[in-house]
Amino acid sequence: MATYYVIQVWAYHGSGMQGWRTASRQAGVPYRFSSREAAEAAMREHFGNLREGVGVRVHAVSDGPEADPSSER
């Protein structure tokens, strides 16, 4: 199993619920990075106004059979 990295932001959902939400493309496909360094660079570029680890983070995900490798960056 390979590992890829996604950017997650802390989000407030309706009815007072809150939690980490994966940043995704227009079609709901999450942005995927093959290295932590690439994900962190993109996170700082696009979410520089949020505090790292509190409002935004890089999260490692193990590649499963349902994952689409063609969406990697």
PDB file of N, CA and C in Angstrom:
ATOM      1  N   MET A   1       0.826  -1.184   0.000  1.00  0.00           N
ATOM      2  CA  MET A   1       0.000   0.000   0.000  1.00  0.00           C
ATOM      3  C   MET A   1       0.869   1.246   0.000  1.00  0.00           C
ATOM      4  N   ALA A   2       0.586   2.141  -0.896  1.00  0.00           N
ATOM      5  CA  ALA A   2       1.309   3.404  -0.972  1.00  0.00           C
ATOM      6  C   ALA A   2       0.631   4.442  -0.077  1.00  0.00           C
ATOM      7  N   THR A   3       1.372   5.469   0.251  1.00  0.00           N
ATOM      8  CA  THR A   3       0.828   6.568   1.041  1.00  0.00           C
ATOM      9  C   THR A   3       0.822   7.821   0.198  1.00  0.00           C
ATOM     10  N   TYR A   4      -0.242   8.584   0.287  1.00  0.00           N
ATOM     11  CA  TYR A   4      -0.297   9.890  -0.346  1.00  0.00           C
ATOM     12  C   TYR A   4      -0.751  10.897   0.699  1.00  0.00           C
ATOM     13  N   TYR A   5      -0.668  12.166   0.369  1.00  0.00           N
ATOM     14  CA  TYR A   5      -0.943  13.222   1.338  1.00  0.00           C
ATOM     15  C   TYR A   5      -2.025  14.146   0.820  1.00  0.00           C
ATOM     16  N   VAL A   6      -2.901  14.580   1.718  1.00  0.00           N
ATOM     17  CA  VAL A   6      -3.978  15.504   1.382  1.00  0.00           C
ATOM     18  C   VAL A   6      -3.905  16.695   2.331  1.00  0.00           C
ATOM     19  N   ILE A   7      -4.514  17.793   1.910  1.00  0.00           N
ATOM     20  CA  ILE A   7      -4.627  18.977   2.752  1.00  0.00           C
ATOM     21  C   ILE A   7      -6.009  18.951   3.378  1.00  0.00           C
ATOM     22  N   GLN A   8      -6.070  19.148   4.686  1.00  0.00           N
ATOM     23  CA  GLN A   8      -7.358  19.192   5.377  1.00  0.00           C
ATOM     24  C   GLN A   8      -7.497  20.531   6.099  1.00  0.00           C
ATOM     25  N   VAL A   9      -8.704  21.070   6.111  1.00  0.00           N
ATOM     26  CA  VAL A   9      -9.001  22.304   6.829  1.00  0.00           C
ATOM     27  C   VAL A   9     -10.033  22.009   7.903  1.00  0.00           C
ATOM     28  N   TRP A  10      -9.951  22.748   9.018  1.00  0.00           N
ATOM     29  CA  TRP A  10     -10.919  22.602  10.104  1.00  0.00           C
ATOM     30  C   TRP A  10     -12.164  23.356   9.684  1.00  0.00           C
ATOM     31  N   ALA A  11     -13.288  22.680   9.638  1.00  0.00           N
ATOM     32  CA  ALA A  11     -14.518  23.283   9.133  1.00  0.00           C
ATOM     33  C   ALA A  11     -15.648  23.141  10.138  1.00  0.00           C
ATOM     34  N   TYR A  12     -16.513  24.120  10.120  1.00  0.00           N
ATOM     35  CA  TYR A  12     -17.723  24.083  10.931  1.00  0.00           C
ATOM     36  C   TYR A  12     -18.869  23.723  10.005  1.00  0.00           C
ATOM     37  N   HIS A  13     -19.521  22.625  10.309  1.00  0.00           N
ATOM     38  CA  HIS A  13     -20.644  22.153   9.511  1.00  0.00           C
ATOM     39  C   HIS A  13     -21.931  22.592  10.206  1.00  0.00           C
ATOM     40  N   GLY A  14     -23.025  22.446   9.563  1.00  0.00           N
ATOM     41  CA  GLY A  14     -24.299  22.824  10.147  1.00  0.00           C
ATOM     42  C   GLY A  14     -24.570  22.136  11.475  1.00  0.00           C
ATOM     43  N   SER A  15     -25.460  22.709  12.260  1.00  0.00           N
ATOM     44  CA  SER A  15     -25.905  22.152  13.547  1.00  0.00           C
ATOM     45  C   SER A  15     -24.787  22.072  14.586  1.00  0.00           C
ATOM     46  N   GLY A  16     -23.784  22.944  14.483  1.00  0.00           N
ATOM     47  CA  GLY A  16     -22.726  22.984  15.478  1.00  0.00           C
ATOM     48  C   GLY A  16     -21.676  21.901  15.345  1.00  0.00           C
ATOM     49  N   MET A  17     -21.737  21.081  14.302  1.00  0.00           N
ATOM     50  CA  MET A  17     -20.734  20.038  14.106  1.00  0.00           C
ATOM     51  C   MET A  17     -19.474  20.661  13.529  1.00  0.00           C
ATOM     52  N   GLN A  18     -18.338  20.098  13.863  1.00  0.00           N
ATOM     53  CA  GLN A  18     -17.071  20.575  13.337  1.00  0.00           C
ATOM     54  C   GLN A  18     -16.126  19.406  13.143  1.00  0.00           C
ATOM     55  N   GLY A  19     -15.138  19.581  12.261  1.00  0.00           N
ATOM     56  CA  GLY A  19     -14.180  18.512  12.025  1.00  0.00           C
ATOM     57  C   GLY A  19     -13.298  18.816  10.832  1.00  0.00           C
ATOM     58  N   TRP A  20     -12.350  17.922  10.582  1.00  0.00           N
ATOM     59  CA  TRP A  20     -11.413  18.084   9.465  1.00  0.00           C
ATOM     60  C   TRP A  20     -12.114  17.730   8.166  1.00  0.00           C
ATOM     61  N   ARG A  21     -11.931  18.560   7.161  1.00  0.00           N
ATOM     62  CA  ARG A  21     -12.506  18.326   5.828  1.00  0.00           C
ATOM     63  C   ARG A  21     -11.376  18.399   4.807  1.00  0.00           C
ATOM     64  N   THR A  22     -11.312  17.429   3.918  1.00  0.00           N
ATOM     65  CA  THR A  22     -10.264  17.371   2.912  1.00  0.00           C
ATOM     66  C   THR A  22     -10.531  18.382   1.799  1.00  0.00           C
ATOM     67  N   ALA A  23      -9.515  19.196   1.500  1.00  0.00           N
ATOM     68  CA  ALA A  23      -9.633  20.160   0.396  1.00  0.00           C
ATOM     69  C   ALA A  23      -9.729  19.372  -0.903  1.00  0.00           C
ATOM     70  N   SER A  24     -10.705  19.724  -1.742  1.00  0.00           N
ATOM     71  CA  SER A  24     -10.897  18.955  -2.962  1.00  0.00           C
ATOM     72  C   SER A  24     -11.078  19.853  -4.168  1.00  0.00           C
ATOM     73  N   ARG A  25     -10.976  19.215  -5.310  1.00  0.00           N
ATOM     74  CA  ARG A  25     -11.162  19.907  -6.582  1.00  0.00           C
ATOM     75  C   ARG A  25     -12.637  20.193  -6.775  1.00  0.00           C
ATOM     76  N   GLN A  26     -12.945  20.829  -7.854  1.00  0.00           N
ATOM     77  CA  GLN A  26     -14.315  21.209  -8.148  1.00  0.00           C
ATOM     78  C   GLN A  26     -15.268  20.010  -8.143  1.00  0.00           C
ATOM     79  N   ALA A  27     -14.825  18.879  -8.633  1.00  0.00           N
ATOM     80  CA  ALA A  27     -15.693  17.701  -8.740  1.00  0.00           C
ATOM     81  C   ALA A  27     -15.708  16.865  -7.456  1.00  0.00           C
ATOM     82  N   GLY A  28     -15.123  17.367  -6.369  1.00  0.00           N
ATOM     83  CA  GLY A  28     -15.116  16.632  -5.115  1.00  0.00           C
ATOM     84  C   GLY A  28     -13.980  15.639  -4.981  1.00  0.00           C
ATOM     85  N   VAL A  29     -13.078  15.601  -5.958  1.00  0.00           N
ATOM     86  CA  VAL A  29     -11.928  14.706  -5.904  1.00  0.00           C
ATOM     87  C   VAL A  29     -10.850  15.403  -5.078  1.00  0.00           C
ATOM     88  N   PRO A  30     -10.360  14.770  -4.008  1.00  0.00           N
ATOM     89  CA  PRO A  30      -9.367  15.453  -3.180  1.00  0.00           C
ATOM     90  C   PRO A  30      -8.043  15.670  -3.914  1.00  0.00           C
ATOM     91  N   TYR A  31      -7.410  16.793  -3.608  1.00  0.00           N
ATOM     92  CA  TYR A  31      -6.053  17.015  -4.110  1.00  0.00           C
ATOM     93  C   TYR A  31      -5.160  16.001  -3.425  1.00  0.00           C
ATOM     94  N   ARG A  32      -4.318  15.335  -4.196  1.00  0.00           N
ATOM     95  CA  ARG A  32      -3.420  14.314  -3.645  1.00  0.00           C
ATOM     96  C   ARG A  32      -1.991  14.666  -4.022  1.00  0.00           C
ATOM     97  N   PHE A  33      -1.075  14.436  -3.100  1.00  0.00           N
ATOM     98  CA  PHE A  33       0.336  14.721  -3.316  1.00  0.00           C
ATOM     99  C   PHE A  33       1.135  13.477  -2.980  1.00  0.00           C
ATOM    100  N   SER A  34       2.188  13.222  -3.738  1.00  0.00           N
ATOM    101  CA  SER A  34       2.990  12.018  -3.513  1.00  0.00           C
ATOM    102  C   SER A  34       4.020  12.208  -2.413  1.00  0.00           C
ATOM    103  N   SER A  35       4.290  13.464  -2.010  1.00  0.00           N
ATOM    104  CA  SER A  35       5.239  13.688  -0.918  1.00  0.00           C
ATOM    105  C   SER A  35       4.664  14.700   0.074  1.00  0.00           C
ATOM    106  N   ARG A  36       5.075  14.564   1.323  1.00  0.00           N
ATOM    107  CA  ARG A  36       4.627  15.492   2.362  1.00  0.00           C
ATOM    108  C   ARG A  36       5.112  16.907   2.051  1.00  0.00           C
ATOM    109  N   GLU A  37       6.330  17.027   1.523  1.00  0.00           N
ATOM    110  CA  GLU A  37       6.895  18.338   1.216  1.00  0.00           C
ATOM    111  C   GLU A  37       6.047  19.081   0.176  1.00  0.00           C
ATOM    112  N   ALA A  38       5.606  18.386  -0.856  1.00  0.00           N
ATOM    113  CA  ALA A  38       4.771  19.003  -1.891  1.00  0.00           C
ATOM    114  C   ALA A  38       3.431  19.446  -1.308  1.00  0.00           C
ATOM    115  N   ALA A  39       2.852  18.624  -0.451  1.00  0.00           N
ATOM    116  CA  ALA A  39       1.576  18.969   0.180  1.00  0.00           C
ATOM    117  C   ALA A  39       1.737  20.172   1.101  1.00  0.00           C
ATOM    118  N   GLU A  40       2.824  20.216   1.869  1.00  0.00           N
ATOM    119  CA  GLU A  40       3.056  21.343   2.774  1.00  0.00           C
ATOM    120  C   GLU A  40       3.287  22.637   2.006  1.00  0.00           C
ATOM    121  N   ALA A  41       4.007  22.565   0.890  1.00  0.00           N
ATOM    122  CA  ALA A  41       4.232  23.757   0.071  1.00  0.00           C
ATOM    123  C   ALA A  41       2.906  24.285  -0.485  1.00  0.00           C
ATOM    124  N   ALA A  42       2.052  23.407  -0.978  1.00  0.00           N
ATOM    125  CA  ALA A  42       0.744  23.816  -1.504  1.00  0.00           C
ATOM    126  C   ALA A  42      -0.136  24.360  -0.388  1.00  0.00           C
ATOM    127  N   MET A  43      -0.073  23.736   0.783  1.00  0.00           N
ATOM    128  CA  MET A  43      -0.866  24.194   1.925  1.00  0.00           C
ATOM    129  C   MET A  43      -0.471  25.618   2.300  1.00  0.00           C
ATOM    130  N   ARG A  44       0.823  25.891   2.363  1.00  0.00           N
ATOM    131  CA  ARG A  44       1.295  27.235   2.729  1.00  0.00           C
ATOM    132  C   ARG A  44       0.937  28.267   1.663  1.00  0.00           C
ATOM    133  N   GLU A  45       0.968  27.827   0.403  1.00  0.00           N
ATOM    134  CA  GLU A  45       0.641  28.749  -0.690  1.00  0.00           C
ATOM    135  C   GLU A  45      -0.838  29.113  -0.697  1.00  0.00           C
ATOM    136  N   HIS A  46      -1.703  28.121  -0.530  1.00  0.00           N
ATOM    137  CA  HIS A  46      -3.140  28.350  -0.683  1.00  0.00           C
ATOM    138  C   HIS A  46      -3.880  28.620   0.625  1.00  0.00           C
ATOM    139  N   PHE A  47      -3.310  28.215   1.749  1.00  0.00           N
ATOM    140  CA  PHE A  47      -3.980  28.391   3.038  1.00  0.00           C
ATOM    141  C   PHE A  47      -3.063  29.089   4.045  1.00  0.00           C
ATOM    142  N   GLY A  48      -2.224  29.997   3.560  1.00  0.00           N
ATOM    143  CA  GLY A  48      -1.258  30.682   4.408  1.00  0.00           C
ATOM    144  C   GLY A  48      -1.878  31.531   5.506  1.00  0.00           C
ATOM    145  N   ASN A  49      -3.163  31.873   5.365  1.00  0.00           N
ATOM    146  CA  ASN A  49      -3.825  32.686   6.374  1.00  0.00           C
ATOM    147  C   ASN A  49      -4.339  31.857   7.556  1.00  0.00           C
ATOM    148  N   LEU A  50      -4.246  30.532   7.491  1.00  0.00           N
ATOM    149  CA  LEU A  50      -4.692  29.665   8.581  1.00  0.00           C
ATOM    150  C   LEU A  50      -3.491  29.146   9.367  1.00  0.00           C
ATOM    151  N   ARG A  51      -3.685  28.890  10.641  1.00  0.00           N
ATOM    152  CA  ARG A  51      -2.597  28.371  11.473  1.00  0.00           C
ATOM    153  C   ARG A  51      -2.388  26.894  11.208  1.00  0.00           C
ATOM    154  N   GLU A  52      -1.139  26.542  10.885  1.00  0.00           N
ATOM    155  CA  GLU A  52      -0.789  25.142  10.623  1.00  0.00           C
ATOM    156  C   GLU A  52      -1.052  24.296  11.854  1.00  0.00           C
ATOM    157  N   GLY A  53      -1.705  23.147  11.656  1.00  0.00           N
ATOM    158  CA  GLY A  53      -1.986  22.233  12.751  1.00  0.00           C
ATOM    159  C   GLY A  53      -3.252  22.570  13.516  1.00  0.00           C
ATOM    160  N   VAL A  54      -3.744  23.799  13.375  1.00  0.00           N
ATOM    161  CA  VAL A  54      -4.972  24.205  14.066  1.00  0.00           C
ATOM    162  C   VAL A  54      -6.099  24.388  13.060  1.00  0.00           C
ATOM    163  N   GLY A  55      -5.863  25.220  12.029  1.00  0.00           N
ATOM    164  CA  GLY A  55      -6.881  25.482  11.016  1.00  0.00           C
ATOM    165  C   GLY A  55      -6.672  24.709   9.737  1.00  0.00           C
ATOM    166  N   VAL A  56      -5.451  24.227   9.526  1.00  0.00           N
ATOM    167  CA  VAL A  56      -5.120  23.495   8.304  1.00  0.00           C
ATOM    168  C   VAL A  56      -3.982  22.525   8.613  1.00  0.00           C
ATOM    169  N   ARG A  57      -3.985  21.380   7.944  1.00  0.00           N
ATOM    170  CA  ARG A  57      -2.934  20.390   8.177  1.00  0.00           C
ATOM    171  C   ARG A  57      -2.739  19.528   6.943  1.00  0.00           C
ATOM    172  N   VAL A  58      -1.597  18.826   6.908  1.00  0.00           N
ATOM    173  CA  VAL A  58      -1.342  17.803   5.900  1.00  0.00           C
ATOM    174  C   VAL A  58      -1.595  16.468   6.567  1.00  0.00           C
ATOM    175  N   HIS A  59      -2.339  15.609   5.904  1.00  0.00           N
ATOM    176  CA  HIS A  59      -2.726  14.328   6.473  1.00  0.00           C
ATOM    177  C   HIS A  59      -2.294  13.191   5.540  1.00  0.00           C
ATOM    178  N   ALA A  60      -1.644  12.179   6.095  1.00  0.00           N
ATOM    179  CA  ALA A  60      -1.214  11.016   5.308  1.00  0.00           C
ATOM    180  C   ALA A  60      -2.363  10.021   5.191  1.00  0.00           C
ATOM    181  N   VAL A  61      -2.552   9.478   4.000  1.00  0.00           N
ATOM    182  CA  VAL A  61      -3.627   8.517   3.726  1.00  0.00           C
ATOM    183  C   VAL A  61      -3.022   7.296   3.051  1.00  0.00           C
ATOM    184  N   SER A  62      -3.370   6.105   3.526  1.00  0.00           N
ATOM    185  CA  SER A  62      -2.910   4.874   2.872  1.00  0.00           C
ATOM    186  C   SER A  62      -3.766   4.617   1.656  1.00  0.00           C
ATOM    187  N   ASP A  63      -3.128   4.255   0.578  1.00  0.00           N
ATOM    188  CA  ASP A  63      -3.814   3.991  -0.684  1.00  0.00           C
ATOM    189  C   ASP A  63      -4.593   2.690  -0.578  1.00  0.00           C
ATOM    190  N   GLY A  64      -5.889   2.754  -0.853  1.00  0.00           N
ATOM    191  CA  GLY A  64      -6.721   1.567  -0.828  1.00  0.00           C
ATOM    192  C   GLY A  64      -7.134   1.171  -2.226  1.00  0.00           C
ATOM    193  N   PRO A  65      -7.830   0.073  -2.383  1.00  0.00           N
ATOM    194  CA  PRO A  65      -8.240  -0.388  -3.718  1.00  0.00           C
ATOM    195  C   PRO A  65      -9.203   0.563  -4.412  1.00  0.00           C
ATOM    196  N   GLU A  66      -9.936   1.389  -3.644  1.00  0.00           N
ATOM    197  CA  GLU A  66     -10.896   2.302  -4.252  1.00  0.00           C
ATOM    198  C   GLU A  66     -10.263   3.622  -4.683  1.00  0.00           C
ATOM    199  N   ALA A  67      -9.003   3.856  -4.336  1.00  0.00           N
ATOM    200  CA  ALA A  67      -8.344   5.111  -4.682  1.00  0.00           C
ATOM    201  C   ALA A  67      -8.038   5.178  -6.173  1.00  0.00           C
ATOM    202  N   ASP A  68      -8.062   6.400  -6.694  1.00  0.00           N
ATOM    203  CA  ASP A  68      -7.800   6.608  -8.115  1.00  0.00           C
ATOM    204  C   ASP A  68      -6.414   7.216  -8.280  1.00  0.00           C
ATOM    205  N   PRO A  69      -5.409   6.444  -8.687  1.00  0.00           N
ATOM    206  CA  PRO A  69      -4.055   6.967  -8.805  1.00  0.00           C
ATOM    207  C   PRO A  69      -3.889   8.021  -9.895  1.00  0.00           C
ATOM    208  N   SER A  70      -4.826   8.120 -10.810  1.00  0.00           N
ATOM    209  CA  SER A  70      -4.696   9.103 -11.891  1.00  0.00           C
ATOM    210  C   SER A  70      -4.901  10.534 -11.388  1.00  0.00           C
ATOM    211  N   SER A  71      -5.406  10.704 -10.165  1.00  0.00           N
ATOM    212  CA  SER A  71      -5.658  12.052  -9.651  1.00  0.00           C
ATOM    213  C   SER A  71      -4.483  12.605  -8.869  1.00  0.00           C
ATOM    214  N   GLU A  72      -3.363  11.877  -8.808  1.00  0.00           N
ATOM    215  CA  GLU A  72      -2.200  12.354  -8.068  1.00  0.00           C
ATOM    216  C   GLU A  72      -1.540  13.502  -8.784  1.00  0.00           C
ATOM    217  N   ARG A  73      -0.932  14.378  -7.989  1.00  0.00           N
ATOM    218  CA  ARG A  73      -0.184  15.508  -8.520  1.00  0.00           C
ATOM    219  C   ARG A  73       1.276  15.264  -8.403  1.00  0.00           C
TER     220      ARG A  73
END
